Amino acid sequence: MASNQIISIIVLVVTLLLQGNNNNVVDAQLTTNFYSTSCPNLLSTVQTAVKSAVRSEARMGGSILRLFFHDCFVNGCDGSILLDDTSSFTGEQNANPNRNSARGFNVIDNIKSAVEKACPGVVSCADILAIAARDSVVALGGPNWNVKVGRRDARTASQAAANSNIPGPTSSLSQLISSFSAVGLSTRDMVALSGAHTIGQSRCTSFRARIYNETNINAAFATTRQRTCPRATGSGDGNLAPLDVTTAASFDNNYFKNLVAQKGLLHSDQVLFNGGSTDSIVRGYSNNPSSFSSDFTAAMIKMGDISPLTGSSGEIRKMCGRTN
C-alpha cells in the first residue's frame, strides 16, 4: 500500500513538473495575435509605411528583408542589428556583412515613430522588422503569411557574432548548409530562403571574383556584369547589379531559373546549382513557383522563431537605434 502511495506521489510530481514546463513553453511562444488588443492598428500601420517605401524605391523591399535575415542570424530575432554604434557601444551595423550594405534603418525608424504614436511602449523593434520583412515581400508580388509576434528587443549586440554567423557571398555549399543548420534551419530552408535574392541588388565587391574568375557562369551574363564592375579592386566597388537579372523588382521564382542557366550573381547563389546536393531543390523551385512560395513562407516563419526574447527579457525600445 505504501509503495502504491509513493508511486502516486511520484506520478503527481512528474505531472506537475511537466505542466510547469509546458506553461513555460507556452509563455515563450510567439503568436500572431499578440498585439490584437494592445495595438490593433499595428499591421496596417506597418503595411502602409512599407508600401510607400517600396513604391519610392523597389530595392528597399530587398533591403528590409535582408535586415531581418541578418538580425535573426545573430543571437536570434531581437532587433540587435538596429542598434547604432556610439562612443561607448559597438553594434552590428559595421560588421563585415553589414558595413556599406545594410540599409533600410530609416524606414524601420519611421515605422517605429508611427507605431509609438498609436501605441506607446508596446511594440518591439524586433517585431516591427519581422512584419516589415513580410510586407516587403508582399509589396513586390510575393506570398503572404501570418507573422508571429511577441518578441522583445535586445539591450546588446555582437559585432563578432555578426562577422562569424552571417553567411557571406563567397560561401561554399557546405558552409551555407552549416550556417543555416547552426540556427536550426534545414538545407531545404536554406535554399528556399536564398530565393529572397529574387529581389534586391548587390555591390560589385561581392560578385567581382565570380564574374572574372569562375567558369560555371553564362558567358554573356558575365560580360554584361563586367561592364559595370571593373576587374580592378577599388574601381566601381559600390556599383550595383540586380541579384535576379530577369525580374529584379518582382518576388518570383526566376532566381532559381537563373541558377539553372548559370546566371547566379553571387558565388553563394550558384553553388546551390552546381552538381551538388541542392540541385534537385533548385530545379524543383524553378519549375514550380507555388512549391517555392510555400517553402519560403514556412522557412520565414521558422527563421522568425530563432531565439526570441520574450516575457521579461530584453525591453521594448522607444527608439530602434538605441536602448532605453
C-alpha atoms as a PDB file:
ATOM      1  CA  MET A   1       0.000   0.000   0.000  1.00  0.00           C
ATOM      2  CA  ALA A   2       2.779   2.349   0.957  1.00  0.00           C
ATOM      3  CA  SER A   3       4.568   1.650  -2.308  1.00  0.00           C
ATOM      4  CA  ASN A   4       1.403   2.499  -4.262  1.00  0.00           C
ATOM      5  CA  GLN A   5       1.173   5.824  -2.428  1.00  0.00           C
ATOM      6  CA  ILE A   6       4.806   6.561  -3.234  1.00  0.00           C
ATOM      7  CA  ILE A   7       4.194   5.759  -6.899  1.00  0.00           C
ATOM      8  CA  SER A   8       1.117   8.013  -6.907  1.00  0.00           C
ATOM      9  CA  ILE A   9       3.110  10.873  -5.368  1.00  0.00           C
ATOM     10  CA  ILE A  10       5.897  10.433  -7.937  1.00  0.00           C
ATOM     11  CA  VAL A  11       3.367  10.457 -10.795  1.00  0.00           C
ATOM     12  CA  LEU A  12       1.758  13.619  -9.376  1.00  0.00           C
ATOM     13  CA  VAL A  13       5.109  15.396  -9.009  1.00  0.00           C
ATOM     14  CA  VAL A  14       6.177  14.452 -12.547  1.00  0.00           C
ATOM     15  CA  THR A  15       2.814  15.618 -13.906  1.00  0.00           C
ATOM     16  CA  LEU A  16       3.124  18.966 -12.138  1.00  0.00           C
ATOM     17  CA  LEU A  17       6.676  19.409 -13.412  1.00  0.00           C
ATOM     18  CA  LEU A  18       5.586  18.670 -16.966  1.00  0.00           C
ATOM     19  CA  GLN A  19       2.701  21.105 -16.674  1.00  0.00           C
ATOM     20  CA  GLY A  20       5.082  23.745 -15.386  1.00  0.00           C
ATOM     21  CA  ASN A  21       7.444  23.123 -18.283  1.00  0.00           C
ATOM     22  CA  ASN A  22       4.590  23.294 -20.765  1.00  0.00           C
ATOM     23  CA  ASN A  23       3.476  26.587 -19.319  1.00  0.00           C
ATOM     24  CA  ASN A  24       6.980  27.961 -19.747  1.00  0.00           C
ATOM     25  CA  VAL A  25       6.999  26.851 -23.363  1.00  0.00           C
ATOM     26  CA  VAL A  26       3.613  28.464 -23.969  1.00  0.00           C
ATOM     27  CA  ASP A  27       4.750  31.669 -22.273  1.00  0.00           C
ATOM     28  CA  ALA A  28       7.776  31.840 -24.530  1.00  0.00           C
ATOM     29  CA  GLN A  29       5.882  31.170 -27.747  1.00  0.00           C
ATOM     30  CA  LEU A  30       5.217  33.891 -30.264  1.00  0.00           C
ATOM     31  CA  THR A  31       1.671  34.306 -31.517  1.00  0.00           C
ATOM     32  CA  THR A  32       0.064  36.012 -34.490  1.00  0.00           C
ATOM     33  CA  ASN A  33      -2.405  37.945 -32.308  1.00  0.00           C
ATOM     34  CA  PHE A  34      -0.030  39.205 -29.600  1.00  0.00           C
ATOM     35  CA  TYR A  35      -0.927  42.858 -30.239  1.00  0.00           C
ATOM     36  CA  SER A  36      -4.545  42.401 -31.300  1.00  0.00           C
ATOM     37  CA  THR A  37      -5.849  44.350 -28.292  1.00  0.00           C
ATOM     38  CA  SER A  38      -2.785  46.343 -27.191  1.00  0.00           C
ATOM     39  CA  CYS A  39      -2.057  47.774 -30.663  1.00  0.00           C
ATOM     40  CA  PRO A  40      -4.894  46.858 -33.042  1.00  0.00           C
ATOM     41  CA  ASN A  41      -3.704  49.082 -35.924  1.00  0.00           C
ATOM     42  CA  LEU A  42      -0.136  47.767 -35.886  1.00  0.00           C
ATOM     43  CA  LEU A  43      -0.303  45.682 -39.059  1.00  0.00           C
ATOM     44  CA  SER A  44      -1.979  48.371 -41.159  1.00  0.00           C
ATOM     45  CA  THR A  45       0.496  50.992 -39.887  1.00  0.00           C
ATOM     46  CA  VAL A  46       3.500  48.887 -40.889  1.00  0.00           C
ATOM     47  CA  GLN A  47       1.993  47.865 -44.213  1.00  0.00           C
ATOM     48  CA  THR A  48       1.227  51.453 -45.252  1.00  0.00           C
ATOM     49  CA  ALA A  49       4.777  52.585 -44.483  1.00  0.00           C
ATOM     50  CA  VAL A  50       6.415  49.638 -46.249  1.00  0.00           C
ATOM     51  CA  LYS A  51       4.241  50.031 -49.348  1.00  0.00           C
ATOM     52  CA  SER A  52       5.197  53.691 -49.528  1.00  0.00           C
ATOM     53  CA  ALA A  53       8.912  52.955 -49.103  1.00  0.00           C
ATOM     54  CA  VAL A  54       8.913  50.196 -51.734  1.00  0.00           C
ATOM     55  CA  ARG A  55       6.891  52.346 -54.128  1.00  0.00           C
ATOM     56  CA  SER A  56       9.566  55.046 -53.809  1.00  0.00           C
ATOM     57  CA  GLU A  57      12.400  52.539 -54.282  1.00  0.00           C
ATOM     58  CA  ALA A  58      11.757  48.901 -55.149  1.00  0.00           C
ATOM     59  CA  ARG A  59      15.215  47.951 -53.874  1.00  0.00           C
ATOM     60  CA  MET A  60      14.100  48.842 -50.342  1.00  0.00           C
ATOM     61  CA  GLY A  61      11.989  45.679 -50.212  1.00  0.00           C
ATOM     62  CA  GLY A  62      15.078  43.511 -50.560  1.00  0.00           C
ATOM     63  CA  SER A  63      16.986  45.691 -48.104  1.00  0.00           C
ATOM     64  CA  ILE A  64      14.389  45.291 -45.342  1.00  0.00           C
ATOM     65  CA  LEU A  65      14.116  41.543 -45.932  1.00  0.00           C
ATOM     66  CA  ARG A  66      17.912  41.301 -45.670  1.00  0.00           C
ATOM     67  CA  LEU A  67      17.904  43.289 -42.411  1.00  0.00           C
ATOM     68  CA  PHE A  68      15.555  40.731 -40.858  1.00  0.00           C
ATOM     69  CA  PHE A  69      17.721  37.835 -42.036  1.00  0.00           C
ATOM     70  CA  HIS A  70      20.880  39.452 -40.671  1.00  0.00           C
ATOM     71  CA  ASP A  71      19.126  40.194 -37.389  1.00  0.00           C
ATOM     72  CA  CYS A  72      17.896  36.641 -36.850  1.00  0.00           C
ATOM     73  CA  PHE A  73      21.273  35.026 -37.587  1.00  0.00           C
ATOM     74  CA  VAL A  74      22.977  36.935 -34.758  1.00  0.00           C
ATOM     75  CA  ASN A  75      21.689  35.745 -31.371  1.00  0.00           C
ATOM     76  CA  GLY A  76      18.134  35.455 -32.666  1.00  0.00           C
ATOM     77  CA  CYS A  77      15.485  37.849 -33.994  1.00  0.00           C
ATOM     78  CA  ASP A  78      15.951  40.508 -31.320  1.00  0.00           C
ATOM     79  CA  GLY A  79      16.377  43.793 -33.189  1.00  0.00           C
ATOM     80  CA  SER A  80      20.075  43.946 -32.310  1.00  0.00           C
ATOM     81  CA  ILE A  81      21.045  44.909 -35.873  1.00  0.00           C
ATOM     82  CA  LEU A  82      19.066  48.138 -35.477  1.00  0.00           C
ATOM     83  CA  LEU A  83      21.252  49.457 -32.632  1.00  0.00           C
ATOM     84  CA  ASP A  84      23.568  52.276 -33.729  1.00  0.00           C
ATOM     85  CA  ASP A  85      27.211  52.435 -32.724  1.00  0.00           C
ATOM     86  CA  THR A  86      28.099  55.055 -30.126  1.00  0.00           C
ATOM     87  CA  SER A  87      31.330  56.100 -28.419  1.00  0.00           C
ATOM     88  CA  SER A  88      30.636  53.514 -25.729  1.00  0.00           C
ATOM     89  CA  PHE A  89      28.756  50.844 -27.708  1.00  0.00           C
ATOM     90  CA  THR A  90      29.743  48.741 -30.710  1.00  0.00           C
ATOM     91  CA  GLY A  91      26.788  47.249 -32.559  1.00  0.00           C
ATOM     92  CA  GLU A  92      26.434  45.031 -35.622  1.00  0.00           C
ATOM     93  CA  GLN A  93      25.982  47.624 -38.343  1.00  0.00           C
ATOM     94  CA  ASN A  94      29.709  47.872 -39.080  1.00  0.00           C
ATOM     95  CA  ALA A  95      30.330  44.126 -39.088  1.00  0.00           C
ATOM     96  CA  ASN A  96      31.694  42.929 -42.434  1.00  0.00           C
ATOM     97  CA  PRO A  97      28.371  41.534 -43.730  1.00  0.00           C
ATOM     98  CA  ASN A  98      26.598  44.823 -42.928  1.00  0.00           C
ATOM     99  CA  ARG A  99      29.105  47.619 -43.488  1.00  0.00           C
ATOM    100  CA  ASN A 100      28.188  49.762 -46.523  1.00  0.00           C
ATOM    101  CA  SER A 101      25.409  47.341 -47.446  1.00  0.00           C
ATOM    102  CA  ALA A 102      22.825  47.020 -44.653  1.00  0.00           C
ATOM    103  CA  ARG A 103      20.153  49.641 -45.264  1.00  0.00           C
ATOM    104  CA  GLY A 104      16.527  50.442 -44.539  1.00  0.00           C
ATOM    105  CA  PHE A 105      17.132  51.582 -40.968  1.00  0.00           C
ATOM    106  CA  ASN A 106      15.366  54.873 -41.677  1.00  0.00           C
ATOM    107  CA  VAL A 107      12.258  53.032 -42.868  1.00  0.00           C
ATOM    108  CA  ILE A 108      12.141  50.958 -39.676  1.00  0.00           C
ATOM    109  CA  ASP A 109      12.708  54.125 -37.595  1.00  0.00           C
ATOM    110  CA  ASN A 110       9.826  55.866 -39.370  1.00  0.00           C
ATOM    111  CA  ILE A 111       7.528  52.907 -38.779  1.00  0.00           C
ATOM    112  CA  LYS A 112       8.525  52.797 -35.118  1.00  0.00           C
ATOM    113  CA  SER A 113       7.677  56.502 -34.744  1.00  0.00           C
ATOM    114  CA  ALA A 114       4.238  55.958 -36.251  1.00  0.00           C
ATOM    115  CA  VAL A 115       3.615  52.895 -34.078  1.00  0.00           C
ATOM    116  CA  GLU A 116       4.764  54.736 -30.938  1.00  0.00           C
ATOM    117  CA  LYS A 117       2.212  57.474 -31.608  1.00  0.00           C
ATOM    118  CA  ALA A 118      -0.558  54.895 -31.800  1.00  0.00           C
ATOM    119  CA  CYS A 119       0.622  52.523 -29.058  1.00  0.00           C
ATOM    120  CA  PRO A 120       3.471  53.971 -26.995  1.00  0.00           C
ATOM    121  CA  GLY A 121       5.836  51.479 -25.360  1.00  0.00           C
ATOM    122  CA  VAL A 122       4.018  48.401 -26.615  1.00  0.00           C
ATOM    123  CA  VAL A 123       5.556  47.072 -29.843  1.00  0.00           C
ATOM    124  CA  SER A 124       9.187  45.964 -30.122  1.00  0.00           C
ATOM    125  CA  CYS A 125      11.504  46.986 -32.930  1.00  0.00           C
ATOM    126  CA  ALA A 126      12.243  43.286 -33.453  1.00  0.00           C
ATOM    127  CA  ASP A 127       8.572  42.664 -34.252  1.00  0.00           C
ATOM    128  CA  ILE A 128       8.318  45.730 -36.475  1.00  0.00           C
ATOM    129  CA  LEU A 129      11.245  44.406 -38.522  1.00  0.00           C
ATOM    130  CA  ALA A 130       9.654  40.948 -38.776  1.00  0.00           C
ATOM    131  CA  ILE A 131       6.361  42.403 -40.015  1.00  0.00           C
ATOM    132  CA  ALA A 132       8.098  44.822 -42.384  1.00  0.00           C
ATOM    133  CA  ALA A 133      10.062  41.936 -43.943  1.00  0.00           C
ATOM    134  CA  ARG A 134       6.818  40.117 -44.730  1.00  0.00           C
ATOM    135  CA  ASP A 135       5.201  43.291 -46.083  1.00  0.00           C
ATOM    136  CA  SER A 136       8.238  43.912 -48.307  1.00  0.00           C
ATOM    137  CA  VAL A 137       7.813  40.505 -49.930  1.00  0.00           C
ATOM    138  CA  VAL A 138       4.093  41.080 -50.441  1.00  0.00           C
ATOM    139  CA  ALA A 139       4.651  44.592 -51.829  1.00  0.00           C
ATOM    140  CA  LEU A 140       6.846  43.106 -54.567  1.00  0.00           C
ATOM    141  CA  GLY A 141       4.303  40.447 -55.535  1.00  0.00           C
ATOM    142  CA  GLY A 142       5.450  37.639 -53.257  1.00  0.00           C
ATOM    143  CA  PRO A 143       3.495  35.326 -50.953  1.00  0.00           C
ATOM    144  CA  ASN A 144       1.786  36.403 -47.739  1.00  0.00           C
ATOM    145  CA  TRP A 145       1.963  34.730 -44.342  1.00  0.00           C
ATOM    146  CA  ASN A 146       0.890  35.398 -40.777  1.00  0.00           C
ATOM    147  CA  VAL A 147       3.825  36.831 -38.836  1.00  0.00           C
ATOM    148  CA  LYS A 148       4.231  35.577 -35.289  1.00  0.00           C
ATOM    149  CA  VAL A 149       4.984  38.381 -32.833  1.00  0.00           C
ATOM    150  CA  GLY A 150       5.681  38.942 -29.153  1.00  0.00           C
ATOM    151  CA  ARG A 151       9.445  39.436 -29.378  1.00  0.00           C
ATOM    152  CA  ARG A 152      11.247  41.921 -27.166  1.00  0.00           C
ATOM    153  CA  ASP A 153      14.293  43.978 -28.042  1.00  0.00           C
ATOM    154  CA  ALA A 154      17.866  43.126 -27.113  1.00  0.00           C
ATOM    155  CA  ARG A 155      19.862  45.532 -24.983  1.00  0.00           C
ATOM    156  CA  THR A 156      23.081  44.220 -26.505  1.00  0.00           C
ATOM    157  CA  ALA A 157      24.564  43.421 -29.898  1.00  0.00           C
ATOM    158  CA  SER A 158      27.545  41.420 -31.133  1.00  0.00           C
ATOM    159  CA  GLN A 159      29.727  42.553 -33.995  1.00  0.00           C
ATOM    160  CA  ALA A 160      31.836  39.410 -33.538  1.00  0.00           C
ATOM    161  CA  ALA A 161      28.797  37.140 -33.894  1.00  0.00           C
ATOM    162  CA  ALA A 162      27.656  39.078 -36.955  1.00  0.00           C
ATOM    163  CA  ASN A 163      31.070  38.544 -38.540  1.00  0.00           C
ATOM    164  CA  SER A 164      31.050  34.820 -37.814  1.00  0.00           C
ATOM    165  CA  ASN A 165      27.383  33.816 -38.126  1.00  0.00           C
ATOM    166  CA  ILE A 166      26.085  35.548 -41.254  1.00  0.00           C
ATOM    167  CA  PRO A 167      26.967  33.593 -44.404  1.00  0.00           C
ATOM    168  CA  GLY A 168      28.803  35.677 -46.988  1.00  0.00           C
ATOM    169  CA  PRO A 169      28.708  35.919 -50.787  1.00  0.00           C
ATOM    170  CA  THR A 170      31.737  33.652 -51.208  1.00  0.00           C
ATOM    171  CA  SER A 171      30.331  30.836 -49.051  1.00  0.00           C
ATOM    172  CA  SER A 172      30.563  27.270 -50.296  1.00  0.00           C
ATOM    173  CA  LEU A 173      27.550  24.976 -50.284  1.00  0.00           C
ATOM    174  CA  SER A 174      28.825  23.130 -47.213  1.00  0.00           C
ATOM    175  CA  GLN A 175      29.371  26.449 -45.402  1.00  0.00           C
ATOM    176  CA  LEU A 176      25.836  27.569 -46.232  1.00  0.00           C
ATOM    177  CA  ILE A 177      24.353  24.291 -45.030  1.00  0.00           C
ATOM    178  CA  SER A 178      26.386  24.540 -41.827  1.00  0.00           C
ATOM    179  CA  SER A 179      25.487  28.206 -41.145  1.00  0.00           C
ATOM    180  CA  PHE A 180      21.783  27.540 -41.509  1.00  0.00           C
ATOM    181  CA  SER A 181      21.949  24.299 -39.564  1.00  0.00           C
ATOM    182  CA  ALA A 182      23.576  26.166 -36.666  1.00  0.00           C
ATOM    183  CA  VAL A 183      20.361  28.177 -36.217  1.00  0.00           C
ATOM    184  CA  GLY A 184      18.025  25.213 -36.703  1.00  0.00           C
ATOM    185  CA  LEU A 185      17.270  25.654 -40.406  1.00  0.00           C
ATOM    186  CA  SER A 186      17.399  22.723 -42.816  1.00  0.00           C
ATOM    187  CA  THR A 187      19.116  22.559 -46.191  1.00  0.00           C
ATOM    188  CA  ARG A 188      15.730  22.961 -47.871  1.00  0.00           C
ATOM    189  CA  ASP A 189      15.021  26.004 -45.693  1.00  0.00           C
ATOM    190  CA  MET A 190      18.386  27.413 -46.782  1.00  0.00           C
ATOM    191  CA  VAL A 191      17.633  27.023 -50.489  1.00  0.00           C
ATOM    192  CA  ALA A 192      14.140  28.483 -50.086  1.00  0.00           C
ATOM    193  CA  LEU A 193      15.426  31.468 -48.086  1.00  0.00           C
ATOM    194  CA  SER A 194      18.180  32.029 -50.663  1.00  0.00           C
ATOM    195  CA  GLY A 195      15.272  32.664 -53.033  1.00  0.00           C
ATOM    196  CA  ALA A 196      14.975  36.044 -51.287  1.00  0.00           C
ATOM    197  CA  HIS A 197      17.645  37.007 -53.835  1.00  0.00           C
ATOM    198  CA  THR A 198      14.840  37.227 -56.356  1.00  0.00           C
ATOM    199  CA  ILE A 199      14.739  40.872 -55.186  1.00  0.00           C
ATOM    200  CA  GLY A 200      17.410  43.363 -54.208  1.00  0.00           C
ATOM    201  CA  GLN A 201      20.826  44.296 -55.527  1.00  0.00           C
ATOM    202  CA  SER A 202      24.434  43.545 -54.707  1.00  0.00           C
ATOM    203  CA  ARG A 203      27.647  45.565 -54.777  1.00  0.00           C
ATOM    204  CA  CYS A 204      30.431  44.861 -57.256  1.00  0.00           C
ATOM    205  CA  THR A 205      32.785  43.861 -54.425  1.00  0.00           C
ATOM    206  CA  SER A 206      30.520  40.914 -53.639  1.00  0.00           C
ATOM    207  CA  PHE A 207      30.484  39.395 -57.138  1.00  0.00           C
ATOM    208  CA  ARG A 208      33.689  40.650 -58.840  1.00  0.00           C
ATOM    209  CA  ALA A 209      35.603  37.403 -58.276  1.00  0.00           C
ATOM    210  CA  ARG A 210      32.724  35.350 -59.676  1.00  0.00           C
ATOM    211  CA  ILE A 211      32.281  37.247 -62.939  1.00  0.00           C
ATOM    212  CA  TYR A 212      36.007  37.304 -63.720  1.00  0.00           C
ATOM    213  CA  ASN A 213      37.359  34.070 -62.270  1.00  0.00           C
ATOM    214  CA  GLU A 214      34.639  31.406 -62.274  1.00  0.00           C
ATOM    215  CA  THR A 215      33.774  29.082 -65.134  1.00  0.00           C
ATOM    216  CA  ASN A 216      30.298  27.908 -64.073  1.00  0.00           C
ATOM    217  CA  ILE A 217      28.805  31.147 -65.356  1.00  0.00           C
ATOM    218  CA  ASN A 218      26.893  32.060 -68.503  1.00  0.00           C
ATOM    219  CA  ALA A 219      29.409  33.906 -70.695  1.00  0.00           C
ATOM    220  CA  ALA A 220      27.020  36.604 -71.905  1.00  0.00           C
ATOM    221  CA  PHE A 221      25.804  37.193 -68.352  1.00  0.00           C
ATOM    222  CA  ALA A 222      29.385  37.579 -67.097  1.00  0.00           C
ATOM    223  CA  THR A 223      30.195  40.043 -69.898  1.00  0.00           C
ATOM    224  CA  THR A 224      27.136  42.142 -69.061  1.00  0.00           C
ATOM    225  CA  ARG A 225      28.063  42.320 -65.384  1.00  0.00           C
ATOM    226  CA  GLN A 226      31.692  43.156 -66.194  1.00  0.00           C
ATOM    227  CA  ARG A 227      30.581  46.345 -67.960  1.00  0.00           C
ATOM    228  CA  THR A 228      29.660  47.975 -64.658  1.00  0.00           C
ATOM    229  CA  CYS A 229      32.006  46.060 -62.346  1.00  0.00           C
ATOM    230  CA  PRO A 230      35.655  46.626 -63.355  1.00  0.00           C
ATOM    231  CA  ARG A 231      38.219  43.943 -62.580  1.00  0.00           C
ATOM    232  CA  ALA A 232      40.469  46.227 -60.521  1.00  0.00           C
ATOM    233  CA  THR A 233      39.790  46.343 -56.797  1.00  0.00           C
ATOM    234  CA  GLY A 234      38.825  49.857 -55.755  1.00  0.00           C
ATOM    235  CA  SER A 235      37.256  50.674 -59.104  1.00  0.00           C
ATOM    236  CA  GLY A 236      33.459  50.670 -59.082  1.00  0.00           C
ATOM    237  CA  ASP A 237      33.310  48.735 -55.812  1.00  0.00           C
ATOM    238  CA  GLY A 238      29.904  50.160 -54.941  1.00  0.00           C
ATOM    239  CA  ASN A 239      28.335  49.714 -58.375  1.00  0.00           C
ATOM    240  CA  LEU A 240      25.130  47.724 -58.108  1.00  0.00           C
ATOM    241  CA  ALA A 241      23.690  44.812 -60.045  1.00  0.00           C
ATOM    242  CA  PRO A 242      20.356  43.006 -59.552  1.00  0.00           C
ATOM    243  CA  LEU A 243      20.552  39.665 -57.772  1.00  0.00           C
ATOM    244  CA  ASP A 244      17.850  38.448 -60.167  1.00  0.00           C
ATOM    245  CA  VAL A 245      18.790  39.533 -63.693  1.00  0.00           C
ATOM    246  CA  THR A 246      15.346  38.639 -65.070  1.00  0.00           C
ATOM    247  CA  THR A 247      12.805  40.342 -62.776  1.00  0.00           C
ATOM    248  CA  ALA A 248      14.771  42.397 -60.246  1.00  0.00           C
ATOM    249  CA  ALA A 249      11.751  44.093 -58.700  1.00  0.00           C
ATOM    250  CA  SER A 250       9.367  41.130 -58.562  1.00  0.00           C
ATOM    251  CA  PHE A 251       9.312  38.395 -55.952  1.00  0.00           C
ATOM    252  CA  ASP A 252       9.054  35.229 -58.046  1.00  0.00           C
ATOM    253  CA  ASN A 253      10.938  32.030 -58.857  1.00  0.00           C
ATOM    254  CA  ASN A 254      13.123  33.461 -61.623  1.00  0.00           C
ATOM    255  CA  TYR A 255      16.087  33.445 -59.248  1.00  0.00           C
ATOM    256  CA  PHE A 256      16.074  29.634 -59.472  1.00  0.00           C
ATOM    257  CA  LYS A 257      15.622  29.657 -63.236  1.00  0.00           C
ATOM    258  CA  ASN A 258      18.676  31.915 -63.394  1.00  0.00           C
ATOM    259  CA  LEU A 259      20.700  29.410 -61.348  1.00  0.00           C
ATOM    260  CA  VAL A 260      19.792  26.605 -63.750  1.00  0.00           C
ATOM    261  CA  ALA A 261      21.010  28.875 -66.587  1.00  0.00           C
ATOM    262  CA  GLN A 262      24.259  29.616 -64.658  1.00  0.00           C
ATOM    263  CA  LYS A 263      23.243  33.238 -64.115  1.00  0.00           C
ATOM    264  CA  GLY A 264      23.615  33.349 -60.351  1.00  0.00           C
ATOM    265  CA  LEU A 265      25.221  36.676 -59.428  1.00  0.00           C
ATOM    266  CA  LEU A 266      26.993  35.596 -56.244  1.00  0.00           C
ATOM    267  CA  HIS A 267      29.232  32.586 -55.758  1.00  0.00           C
ATOM    268  CA  SER A 268      26.937  31.637 -52.852  1.00  0.00           C
ATOM    269  CA  ASP A 269      23.990  31.699 -55.262  1.00  0.00           C
ATOM    270  CA  GLN A 270      25.434  29.475 -57.976  1.00  0.00           C
ATOM    271  CA  VAL A 271      26.756  26.857 -55.534  1.00  0.00           C
ATOM    272  CA  LEU A 272      23.128  25.922 -54.961  1.00  0.00           C
ATOM    273  CA  PHE A 273      23.071  24.572 -58.528  1.00  0.00           C
ATOM    274  CA  ASN A 274      26.490  23.250 -59.372  1.00  0.00           C
ATOM    275  CA  GLY A 275      26.292  19.461 -59.365  1.00  0.00           C
ATOM    276  CA  GLY A 276      25.709  19.227 -55.607  1.00  0.00           C
ATOM    277  CA  SER A 277      23.090  18.014 -53.180  1.00  0.00           C
ATOM    278  CA  THR A 278      20.768  21.008 -53.646  1.00  0.00           C
ATOM    279  CA  ASP A 279      20.458  20.852 -57.448  1.00  0.00           C
ATOM    280  CA  SER A 280      17.182  18.958 -57.253  1.00  0.00           C
ATOM    281  CA  ILE A 281      15.635  21.512 -54.876  1.00  0.00           C
ATOM    282  CA  VAL A 282      16.650  24.395 -57.154  1.00  0.00           C
ATOM    283  CA  ARG A 283      15.283  22.623 -60.217  1.00  0.00           C
ATOM    284  CA  GLY A 284      12.051  21.904 -58.370  1.00  0.00           C
ATOM    285  CA  TYR A 285      11.578  25.554 -57.420  1.00  0.00           C
ATOM    286  CA  SER A 286      12.456  26.684 -60.959  1.00  0.00           C
ATOM    287  CA  ASN A 287       9.647  24.514 -62.317  1.00  0.00           C
ATOM    288  CA  ASN A 288       7.095  25.030 -59.546  1.00  0.00           C
ATOM    289  CA  PRO A 289       6.638  28.585 -58.209  1.00  0.00           C
ATOM    290  CA  SER A 290       3.965  27.542 -55.723  1.00  0.00           C
ATOM    291  CA  SER A 291       6.347  25.000 -54.188  1.00  0.00           C
ATOM    292  CA  PHE A 292       8.912  27.763 -53.702  1.00  0.00           C
ATOM    293  CA  SER A 293       6.324  30.133 -52.221  1.00  0.00           C
ATOM    294  CA  SER A 294       5.056  27.626 -49.681  1.00  0.00           C
ATOM    295  CA  ASP A 295       8.555  26.537 -48.644  1.00  0.00           C
ATOM    296  CA  PHE A 296       9.742  30.155 -48.439  1.00  0.00           C
ATOM    297  CA  THR A 297       6.905  31.240 -46.149  1.00  0.00           C
ATOM    298  CA  ALA A 298       7.381  28.190 -43.914  1.00  0.00           C
ATOM    299  CA  ALA A 299      11.120  28.909 -43.687  1.00  0.00           C
ATOM    300  CA  MET A 300      10.497  32.598 -42.906  1.00  0.00           C
ATOM    301  CA  ILE A 301       8.219  31.621 -40.014  1.00  0.00           C
ATOM    302  CA  LYS A 302      10.813  29.133 -38.815  1.00  0.00           C
ATOM    303  CA  MET A 303      13.595  31.723 -39.044  1.00  0.00           C
ATOM    304  CA  GLY A 304      11.436  34.194 -37.130  1.00  0.00           C
ATOM    305  CA  ASP A 305      11.303  31.696 -34.268  1.00  0.00           C
ATOM    306  CA  ILE A 306      15.076  31.751 -33.715  1.00  0.00           C
ATOM    307  CA  SER A 307      15.807  32.573 -30.054  1.00  0.00           C
ATOM    308  CA  PRO A 308      13.309  35.386 -29.465  1.00  0.00           C
ATOM    309  CA  LEU A 309      13.429  37.403 -26.258  1.00  0.00           C
ATOM    310  CA  THR A 310      10.034  37.127 -24.549  1.00  0.00           C
ATOM    311  CA  GLY A 311       8.390  37.687 -21.191  1.00  0.00           C
ATOM    312  CA  SER A 312      10.544  39.992 -19.089  1.00  0.00           C
ATOM    313  CA  SER A 313      13.746  39.500 -21.130  1.00  0.00           C
ATOM    314  CA  GLY A 314      15.090  42.476 -23.036  1.00  0.00           C
ATOM    315  CA  GLU A 315      12.977  45.598 -23.385  1.00  0.00           C
ATOM    316  CA  ILE A 316      10.583  47.475 -25.642  1.00  0.00           C
ATOM    317  CA  ARG A 317      12.784  50.194 -27.110  1.00  0.00           C
ATOM    318  CA  LYS A 318      11.374  53.685 -27.500  1.00  0.00           C
ATOM    319  CA  MET A 319      13.690  54.235 -30.469  1.00  0.00           C
ATOM    320  CA  CYS A 320      15.067  51.376 -32.534  1.00  0.00           C
ATOM    321  CA  GLY A 321      18.581  52.776 -32.820  1.00  0.00           C
ATOM    322  CA  ARG A 322      19.330  52.841 -29.104  1.00  0.00           C
ATOM    323  CA  THR A 323      18.458  51.110 -25.881  1.00  0.00           C
ATOM    324  CA  ASN A 324      16.176  52.837 -23.385  1.00  0.00           C
END
